[in-house]
Amino acid sequence: MSAAACRAWITVMRLFLAVVLLMTMALFSAARGEERIALVVANPASEGSPAIANADLSAELVAATLRSLGFTVRQVSDGDRADVARAMHDFAQSLANPDSVGIFYYVGHTAQANGRNYLLTRGTRIDSTTRRHCPSICSCRRSRQPRH
């Protein structure tokens, strides 16, 4: 099997597992009568990195699946730092209700520096001189702990 075929297979399997997980979560949240909210972000390219094939298609499939399961979905495609940060802020605000359930789905490039994970948005450059100043979003914070 070629490297491209392996990457395609891995992408398909990840998407399949994500959809199965989302459907399982939705069934449990529907039984509890919770408000279901989702943010789906697709950022297929960042400066200096190859574009992620089918990123928009993957995000569209996940968003459609979530909608069919009763989620209110907001989508961001090819957003810059401000677009994604605004969407994440709005998403966090919409989860203020203790009976709400949120799903965040991101397909795009990420990076790790000094133990922190970053979502790389449109316009992000990664190199040793700009790493500390690149317009990325740190994904290391959570607004609240998950319920059990």
N, C-alpha and C. Protein backbone atom coordinates (compact mmCIF):
# COMPACT_ATOMS: atom_id res chain seq x y z
N MET A 1 0.85 -1.17 0.00
CA MET A 1 0.00 0.00 0.00
C MET A 1 0.90 1.23 0.00
N SER A 2 0.60 2.18 -0.87
CA SER A 2 1.41 3.39 -0.98
C SER A 2 1.20 4.31 0.22
N ALA A 3 2.10 5.25 0.40
CA ALA A 3 1.99 6.20 1.51
C ALA A 3 0.72 7.04 1.38
N ALA A 4 0.38 7.43 0.17
CA ALA A 4 -0.84 8.23 -0.05
C ALA A 4 -2.08 7.41 0.30
N ALA A 5 -2.08 6.15 -0.07
CA ALA A 5 -3.23 5.28 0.24
C ALA A 5 -3.34 5.07 1.75
N CYS A 6 -2.21 4.93 2.43
CA CYS A 6 -2.22 4.80 3.89
C CYS A 6 -2.79 6.05 4.55
N ARG A 7 -2.35 7.21 4.09
CA ARG A 7 -2.87 8.46 4.66
C ARG A 7 -4.37 8.59 4.42
N ALA A 8 -4.82 8.22 3.23
CA ALA A 8 -6.25 8.28 2.92
C ALA A 8 -7.02 7.33 3.83
N TRP A 9 -6.51 6.13 4.02
CA TRP A 9 -7.17 5.15 4.88
C TRP A 9 -7.25 5.67 6.32
N ILE A 10 -6.16 6.22 6.82
CA ILE A 10 -6.14 6.76 8.18
C ILE A 10 -7.15 7.90 8.31
N THR A 11 -7.23 8.77 7.32
CA THR A 11 -8.19 9.87 7.34
C THR A 11 -9.62 9.35 7.39
N VAL A 12 -9.92 8.37 6.56
CA VAL A 12 -11.27 7.79 6.54
C VAL A 12 -11.60 7.15 7.88
N MET A 13 -10.66 6.42 8.45
CA MET A 13 -10.92 5.76 9.74
C MET A 13 -11.10 6.78 10.86
N ARG A 14 -10.31 7.84 10.86
CA ARG A 14 -10.48 8.89 11.88
C ARG A 14 -11.86 9.53 11.76
N LEU A 15 -12.27 9.82 10.55
CA LEU A 15 -13.58 10.42 10.33
C LEU A 15 -14.68 9.47 10.77
N PHE A 16 -14.57 8.20 10.43
CA PHE A 16 -15.56 7.21 10.84
C PHE A 16 -15.66 7.14 12.36
N LEU A 17 -14.52 7.06 13.03
CA LEU A 17 -14.52 7.01 14.50
C LEU A 17 -15.10 8.27 15.11
N ALA A 18 -14.80 9.42 14.52
CA ALA A 18 -15.36 10.68 15.02
C ALA A 18 -16.88 10.68 14.90
N VAL A 19 -17.40 10.22 13.77
CA VAL A 19 -18.85 10.19 13.57
C VAL A 19 -19.50 9.21 14.55
N VAL A 20 -18.91 8.05 14.75
CA VAL A 20 -19.45 7.08 15.71
C VAL A 20 -19.45 7.67 17.12
N LEU A 21 -18.36 8.32 17.50
CA LEU A 21 -18.29 8.94 18.81
C LEU A 21 -19.35 10.03 18.96
N LEU A 22 -19.50 10.86 17.95
CA LEU A 22 -20.49 11.93 18.00
C LEU A 22 -21.90 11.38 18.13
N MET A 23 -22.19 10.33 17.38
CA MET A 23 -23.53 9.74 17.45
C MET A 23 -23.79 9.14 18.82
N THR A 24 -22.81 8.50 19.41
CA THR A 24 -22.95 7.92 20.74
C THR A 24 -23.19 9.02 21.77
N MET A 25 -22.39 10.08 21.69
CA MET A 25 -22.56 11.19 22.63
C MET A 25 -23.93 11.83 22.48
N ALA A 26 -24.38 11.98 21.25
CA ALA A 26 -25.67 12.62 21.00
C ALA A 26 -26.81 11.79 21.58
N LEU A 27 -26.73 10.48 21.46
CA LEU A 27 -27.78 9.63 22.01
C LEU A 27 -27.87 9.78 23.52
N PHE A 28 -26.73 9.83 24.19
CA PHE A 28 -26.74 10.01 25.64
C PHE A 28 -27.24 11.39 26.04
N SER A 29 -26.84 12.42 25.33
CA SER A 29 -27.29 13.77 25.69
C SER A 29 -28.77 13.95 25.37
N ALA A 30 -29.27 13.33 24.31
CA ALA A 30 -30.69 13.44 23.98
C ALA A 30 -31.53 12.82 25.08
N ALA A 31 -31.06 11.73 25.64
CA ALA A 31 -31.79 11.06 26.71
C ALA A 31 -31.85 11.93 27.95
N ARG A 32 -30.88 12.80 28.14
CA ARG A 32 -30.85 13.67 29.32
C ARG A 32 -31.52 15.01 29.06
N GLY A 33 -31.97 15.28 27.85
CA GLY A 33 -32.66 16.52 27.54
C GLY A 33 -31.77 17.75 27.53
N GLU A 34 -30.52 17.59 27.18
CA GLU A 34 -29.59 18.71 27.21
C GLU A 34 -29.62 19.50 25.91
N GLU A 35 -29.25 20.77 26.02
CA GLU A 35 -29.08 21.60 24.84
C GLU A 35 -27.77 21.19 24.17
N ARG A 36 -27.83 20.92 22.87
CA ARG A 36 -26.65 20.42 22.15
C ARG A 36 -26.11 21.50 21.21
N ILE A 37 -24.85 21.85 21.42
CA ILE A 37 -24.21 22.93 20.67
C ILE A 37 -22.87 22.41 20.14
N ALA A 38 -22.55 22.76 18.90
CA ALA A 38 -21.28 22.30 18.32
C ALA A 38 -20.61 23.43 17.56
N LEU A 39 -19.29 23.40 17.60
CA LEU A 39 -18.47 24.29 16.79
C LEU A 39 -17.58 23.40 15.94
N VAL A 40 -17.68 23.56 14.63
CA VAL A 40 -16.90 22.76 13.68
C VAL A 40 -16.00 23.72 12.90
N VAL A 41 -14.69 23.52 13.03
CA VAL A 41 -13.71 24.40 12.39
C VAL A 41 -12.87 23.59 11.41
N ALA A 42 -12.78 24.09 10.18
CA ALA A 42 -11.91 23.48 9.16
C ALA A 42 -10.91 24.53 8.69
N ASN A 43 -9.66 24.28 8.97
CA ASN A 43 -8.57 25.14 8.49
C ASN A 43 -7.58 24.25 7.76
N PRO A 44 -7.84 24.01 6.48
CA PRO A 44 -7.04 23.03 5.74
C PRO A 44 -5.60 23.45 5.45
N ALA A 45 -5.27 24.72 5.56
CA ALA A 45 -3.91 25.15 5.20
C ALA A 45 -3.41 26.21 6.16
N SER A 46 -2.11 26.16 6.42
CA SER A 46 -1.43 27.24 7.11
C SER A 46 -0.14 27.47 6.35
N GLU A 47 0.42 28.66 6.50
CA GLU A 47 1.61 29.02 5.73
C GLU A 47 2.74 28.03 5.94
N GLY A 48 3.31 27.57 4.85
CA GLY A 48 4.46 26.67 4.93
C GLY A 48 4.12 25.22 5.18
N SER A 49 2.84 24.89 5.27
CA SER A 49 2.42 23.50 5.48
C SER A 49 1.54 23.07 4.33
N PRO A 50 1.59 21.79 3.98
CA PRO A 50 0.73 21.32 2.89
C PRO A 50 -0.74 21.36 3.32
N ALA A 51 -1.61 21.62 2.37
CA ALA A 51 -3.04 21.65 2.67
C ALA A 51 -3.51 20.24 3.06
N ILE A 52 -4.45 20.18 3.98
CA ILE A 52 -5.02 18.91 4.40
C ILE A 52 -6.13 18.55 3.41
N ALA A 53 -5.95 17.45 2.72
CA ALA A 53 -6.93 17.02 1.73
C ALA A 53 -8.26 16.70 2.42
N ASN A 54 -9.33 17.13 1.82
CA ASN A 54 -10.69 16.82 2.27
C ASN A 54 -11.04 17.40 3.64
N ALA A 55 -10.33 18.40 4.12
CA ALA A 55 -10.64 18.99 5.42
C ALA A 55 -12.04 19.59 5.43
N ASP A 56 -12.38 20.34 4.39
CA ASP A 56 -13.71 20.95 4.33
C ASP A 56 -14.80 19.89 4.22
N LEU A 57 -14.55 18.85 3.44
CA LEU A 57 -15.51 17.76 3.30
C LEU A 57 -15.72 17.04 4.63
N SER A 58 -14.64 16.80 5.35
CA SER A 58 -14.71 16.17 6.66
C SER A 58 -15.54 17.01 7.62
N ALA A 59 -15.26 18.31 7.66
CA ALA A 59 -16.00 19.21 8.55
C ALA A 59 -17.47 19.27 8.17
N GLU A 60 -17.75 19.29 6.88
CA GLU A 60 -19.14 19.35 6.42
C GLU A 60 -19.90 18.08 6.81
N LEU A 61 -19.25 16.93 6.68
CA LEU A 61 -19.88 15.66 7.06
C LEU A 61 -20.16 15.62 8.56
N VAL A 62 -19.20 16.04 9.36
CA VAL A 62 -19.39 16.05 10.81
C VAL A 62 -20.50 17.03 11.18
N ALA A 63 -20.51 18.22 10.58
CA ALA A 63 -21.54 19.22 10.88
C ALA A 63 -22.93 18.69 10.50
N ALA A 64 -23.05 18.07 9.34
CA ALA A 64 -24.34 17.52 8.91
C ALA A 64 -24.80 16.41 9.85
N THR A 65 -23.87 15.57 10.28
CA THR A 65 -24.22 14.50 11.22
C THR A 65 -24.70 15.09 12.54
N LEU A 66 -24.00 16.09 13.03
CA LEU A 66 -24.40 16.72 14.29
C LEU A 66 -25.77 17.38 14.17
N ARG A 67 -26.01 18.06 13.06
CA ARG A 67 -27.33 18.68 12.85
C ARG A 67 -28.43 17.62 12.85
N SER A 68 -28.17 16.50 12.20
CA SER A 68 -29.18 15.44 12.15
C SER A 68 -29.44 14.85 13.53
N LEU A 69 -28.51 15.05 14.45
CA LEU A 69 -28.67 14.56 15.82
C LEU A 69 -29.19 15.64 16.76
N GLY A 70 -29.61 16.76 16.21
CA GLY A 70 -30.22 17.80 17.03
C GLY A 70 -29.28 18.85 17.58
N PHE A 71 -28.07 18.92 17.08
CA PHE A 71 -27.13 19.93 17.53
C PHE A 71 -27.34 21.22 16.76
N THR A 72 -27.16 22.33 17.44
CA THR A 72 -27.04 23.63 16.78
C THR A 72 -25.57 23.76 16.44
N VAL A 73 -25.26 23.91 15.15
CA VAL A 73 -23.87 23.86 14.70
C VAL A 73 -23.45 25.20 14.11
N ARG A 74 -22.29 25.67 14.55
CA ARG A 74 -21.65 26.81 13.90
C ARG A 74 -20.40 26.30 13.21
N GLN A 75 -20.22 26.70 11.96
CA GLN A 75 -19.05 26.27 11.19
C GLN A 75 -18.16 27.45 10.85
N VAL A 76 -16.86 27.22 10.91
CA VAL A 76 -15.87 28.19 10.46
C VAL A 76 -14.96 27.44 9.49
N SER A 77 -14.78 28.01 8.31
CA SER A 77 -13.92 27.37 7.31
C SER A 77 -12.85 28.36 6.87
N ASP A 78 -11.61 27.91 6.92
CA ASP A 78 -10.46 28.71 6.49
C ASP A 78 -10.40 30.06 7.21
N GLY A 79 -10.64 30.03 8.52
CA GLY A 79 -10.66 31.26 9.29
C GLY A 79 -9.28 31.69 9.74
N ASP A 80 -9.12 33.00 9.92
CA ASP A 80 -7.88 33.49 10.51
C ASP A 80 -8.03 33.44 12.03
N ARG A 81 -7.01 33.91 12.73
CA ARG A 81 -7.03 33.83 14.19
C ARG A 81 -8.25 34.52 14.78
N ALA A 82 -8.58 35.70 14.28
CA ALA A 82 -9.72 36.45 14.82
C ALA A 82 -11.03 35.70 14.59
N ASP A 83 -11.21 35.13 13.40
CA ASP A 83 -12.44 34.38 13.11
C ASP A 83 -12.61 33.20 14.06
N VAL A 84 -11.56 32.42 14.22
CA VAL A 84 -11.64 31.22 15.05
C VAL A 84 -11.76 31.60 16.53
N ALA A 85 -11.02 32.59 16.97
CA ALA A 85 -11.10 33.03 18.38
C ALA A 85 -12.49 33.54 18.71
N ARG A 86 -13.09 34.31 17.79
CA ARG A 86 -14.45 34.82 18.01
C ARG A 86 -15.44 33.66 18.09
N ALA A 87 -15.32 32.70 17.19
CA ALA A 87 -16.22 31.54 17.20
C ALA A 87 -16.05 30.73 18.48
N MET A 88 -14.80 30.56 18.94
CA MET A 88 -14.56 29.81 20.18
C MET A 88 -15.11 30.56 21.39
N HIS A 89 -14.98 31.87 21.40
CA HIS A 89 -15.54 32.67 22.49
C HIS A 89 -17.06 32.54 22.52
N ASP A 90 -17.70 32.69 21.37
CA ASP A 90 -19.15 32.56 21.29
C ASP A 90 -19.60 31.16 21.71
N PHE A 91 -18.85 30.15 21.30
CA PHE A 91 -19.14 28.77 21.66
C PHE A 91 -19.07 28.59 23.18
N ALA A 92 -18.03 29.11 23.79
CA ALA A 92 -17.89 29.01 25.25
C ALA A 92 -19.03 29.72 25.96
N GLN A 93 -19.43 30.88 25.44
CA GLN A 93 -20.55 31.62 26.04
C GLN A 93 -21.85 30.83 25.94
N SER A 94 -22.04 30.14 24.82
CA SER A 94 -23.28 29.38 24.63
C SER A 94 -23.34 28.16 25.54
N LEU A 95 -22.21 27.78 26.10
CA LEU A 95 -22.18 26.64 27.02
C LEU A 95 -22.34 27.06 28.48
N ALA A 96 -22.73 28.30 28.72
CA ALA A 96 -22.89 28.80 30.09
C ALA A 96 -24.02 28.07 30.82
N ASN A 97 -25.01 27.60 30.09
CA ASN A 97 -26.12 26.86 30.68
C ASN A 97 -25.59 25.51 31.18
N PRO A 98 -25.82 25.18 32.45
CA PRO A 98 -25.30 23.91 32.97
C PRO A 98 -25.90 22.67 32.30
N ASP A 99 -27.02 22.84 31.60
CA ASP A 99 -27.64 21.70 30.90
C ASP A 99 -27.22 21.61 29.45
N SER A 100 -26.20 22.35 29.07
CA SER A 100 -25.75 22.31 27.68
C SER A 100 -24.58 21.33 27.52
N VAL A 101 -24.52 20.78 26.32
CA VAL A 101 -23.43 19.87 25.95
C VAL A 101 -22.78 20.43 24.71
N GLY A 102 -21.46 20.50 24.70
CA GLY A 102 -20.76 21.06 23.55
C GLY A 102 -19.79 20.08 22.94
N ILE A 103 -19.70 20.15 21.63
CA ILE A 103 -18.70 19.37 20.89
C ILE A 103 -17.91 20.35 20.04
N PHE A 104 -16.60 20.27 20.16
CA PHE A 104 -15.71 21.08 19.34
C PHE A 104 -14.96 20.13 18.43
N TYR A 105 -15.10 20.35 17.12
CA TYR A 105 -14.42 19.50 16.13
C TYR A 105 -13.52 20.39 15.30
N TYR A 106 -12.24 20.05 15.27
CA TYR A 106 -11.26 20.85 14.53
C TYR A 106 -10.51 19.95 13.57
N VAL A 107 -10.47 20.36 12.31
CA VAL A 107 -9.63 19.67 11.34
C VAL A 107 -8.71 20.73 10.75
N GLY A 108 -7.43 20.54 11.00
CA GLY A 108 -6.44 21.51 10.55
C GLY A 108 -5.10 21.20 11.17
N HIS A 109 -4.15 22.07 10.92
CA HIS A 109 -2.81 21.87 11.45
C HIS A 109 -2.76 22.32 12.90
N THR A 110 -1.93 21.65 13.67
CA THR A 110 -1.70 22.00 15.07
C THR A 110 -0.19 22.00 15.31
N ALA A 111 0.19 22.55 16.45
CA ALA A 111 1.60 22.56 16.83
C ALA A 111 1.69 22.46 18.34
N GLN A 112 2.83 22.04 18.82
CA GLN A 112 3.07 22.00 20.25
C GLN A 112 4.39 22.70 20.53
N ALA A 113 4.38 23.58 21.52
CA ALA A 113 5.59 24.29 21.94
C ALA A 113 5.54 24.47 23.44
N ASN A 114 6.61 24.12 24.09
CA ASN A 114 6.72 24.28 25.55
C ASN A 114 5.55 23.63 26.29
N GLY A 115 5.13 22.47 25.82
CA GLY A 115 4.07 21.73 26.49
C GLY A 115 2.66 22.25 26.24
N ARG A 116 2.51 23.21 25.36
CA ARG A 116 1.18 23.74 25.03
C ARG A 116 0.83 23.38 23.60
N ASN A 117 -0.44 23.13 23.37
CA ASN A 117 -0.92 22.79 22.04
C ASN A 117 -1.57 24.01 21.41
N TYR A 118 -1.35 24.18 20.11
CA TYR A 118 -1.87 25.34 19.39
C TYR A 118 -2.62 24.90 18.14
N LEU A 119 -3.74 25.58 17.88
CA LEU A 119 -4.47 25.41 16.63
C LEU A 119 -3.91 26.43 15.66
N LEU A 120 -3.49 25.99 14.51
CA LEU A 120 -2.90 26.90 13.53
C LEU A 120 -3.97 27.36 12.56
N THR A 121 -4.17 28.65 12.49
CA THR A 121 -5.21 29.22 11.65
C THR A 121 -4.61 29.79 10.37
N ARG A 122 -5.47 30.23 9.48
CA ARG A 122 -5.00 30.84 8.23
C ARG A 122 -4.07 32.00 8.57
N GLY A 123 -2.94 32.06 7.91
CA GLY A 123 -1.98 33.14 8.14
C GLY A 123 -0.91 32.81 9.16
N THR A 124 -1.01 31.65 9.80
CA THR A 124 0.00 31.26 10.78
C THR A 124 1.27 30.81 10.07
N ARG A 125 2.40 31.31 10.54
CA ARG A 125 3.71 30.87 10.04
C ARG A 125 4.42 30.15 11.18
N ILE A 126 5.01 29.03 10.85
CA ILE A 126 5.76 28.29 11.86
C ILE A 126 7.22 28.22 11.44
N ASP A 127 8.05 28.82 12.24
CA ASP A 127 9.49 28.64 12.13
C ASP A 127 10.09 29.04 13.47
N SER A 128 11.34 28.80 13.64
CA SER A 128 11.95 29.00 14.95
C SER A 128 11.95 30.46 15.39
N THR A 129 11.92 31.40 14.47
CA THR A 129 11.97 32.80 14.87
C THR A 129 10.60 33.39 15.17
N THR A 130 9.54 32.81 14.61
CA THR A 130 8.21 33.38 14.83
C THR A 130 7.33 32.53 15.72
N ARG A 131 7.82 31.39 16.16
CA ARG A 131 6.97 30.48 16.93
C ARG A 131 6.30 31.18 18.11
N ARG A 132 7.02 32.03 18.79
CA ARG A 132 6.46 32.67 19.98
C ARG A 132 5.48 33.77 19.62
N HIS A 133 5.48 34.23 18.40
CA HIS A 133 4.63 35.35 18.03
C HIS A 133 3.63 35.02 16.93
N CYS A 134 3.54 33.76 16.55
CA CYS A 134 2.65 33.42 15.44
C CYS A 134 1.19 33.58 15.86
N PRO A 135 0.32 33.95 14.93
CA PRO A 135 -1.09 34.16 15.27
C PRO A 135 -1.84 32.84 15.35
N SER A 136 -1.60 32.09 16.41
CA SER A 136 -2.27 30.82 16.61
C SER A 136 -3.12 30.91 17.87
N ILE A 137 -3.83 29.85 18.15
CA ILE A 137 -4.71 29.82 19.31
C ILE A 137 -4.27 28.69 20.21
N CYS A 138 -4.01 29.00 21.47
CA CYS A 138 -3.63 27.98 22.43
C CYS A 138 -4.87 27.17 22.78
N SER A 139 -4.77 25.87 22.66
CA SER A 139 -5.92 25.01 22.95
C SER A 139 -5.78 24.35 24.31
N CYS A 140 -4.98 24.94 25.18
CA CYS A 140 -4.69 24.29 26.46
C CYS A 140 -5.67 24.68 27.56
N ARG A 141 -6.55 25.62 27.32
CA ARG A 141 -7.48 26.05 28.37
C ARG A 141 -8.84 25.43 28.16
N ARG A 142 -9.51 25.14 29.27
CA ARG A 142 -10.89 24.68 29.22
C ARG A 142 -11.70 25.60 30.11
N SER A 143 -12.92 25.90 29.69
CA SER A 143 -13.73 26.82 30.48
C SER A 143 -14.36 26.14 31.68
N ARG A 144 -14.55 24.83 31.61
CA ARG A 144 -15.09 24.12 32.76
C ARG A 144 -14.76 22.64 32.61
N GLN A 145 -14.82 21.95 33.73
CA GLN A 145 -14.52 20.52 33.72
C GLN A 145 -15.72 19.75 33.18
N PRO A 146 -15.48 18.64 32.50
CA PRO A 146 -16.60 17.84 32.01
C PRO A 146 -17.36 17.21 33.17
N ARG A 147 -18.65 17.04 32.95
CA ARG A 147 -19.49 16.39 33.97
C ARG A 147 -19.38 14.88 33.85
N HIS A 148 -19.60 14.21 34.94
CA HIS A 148 -19.57 12.74 34.92
C HIS A 148 -20.95 12.21 35.18
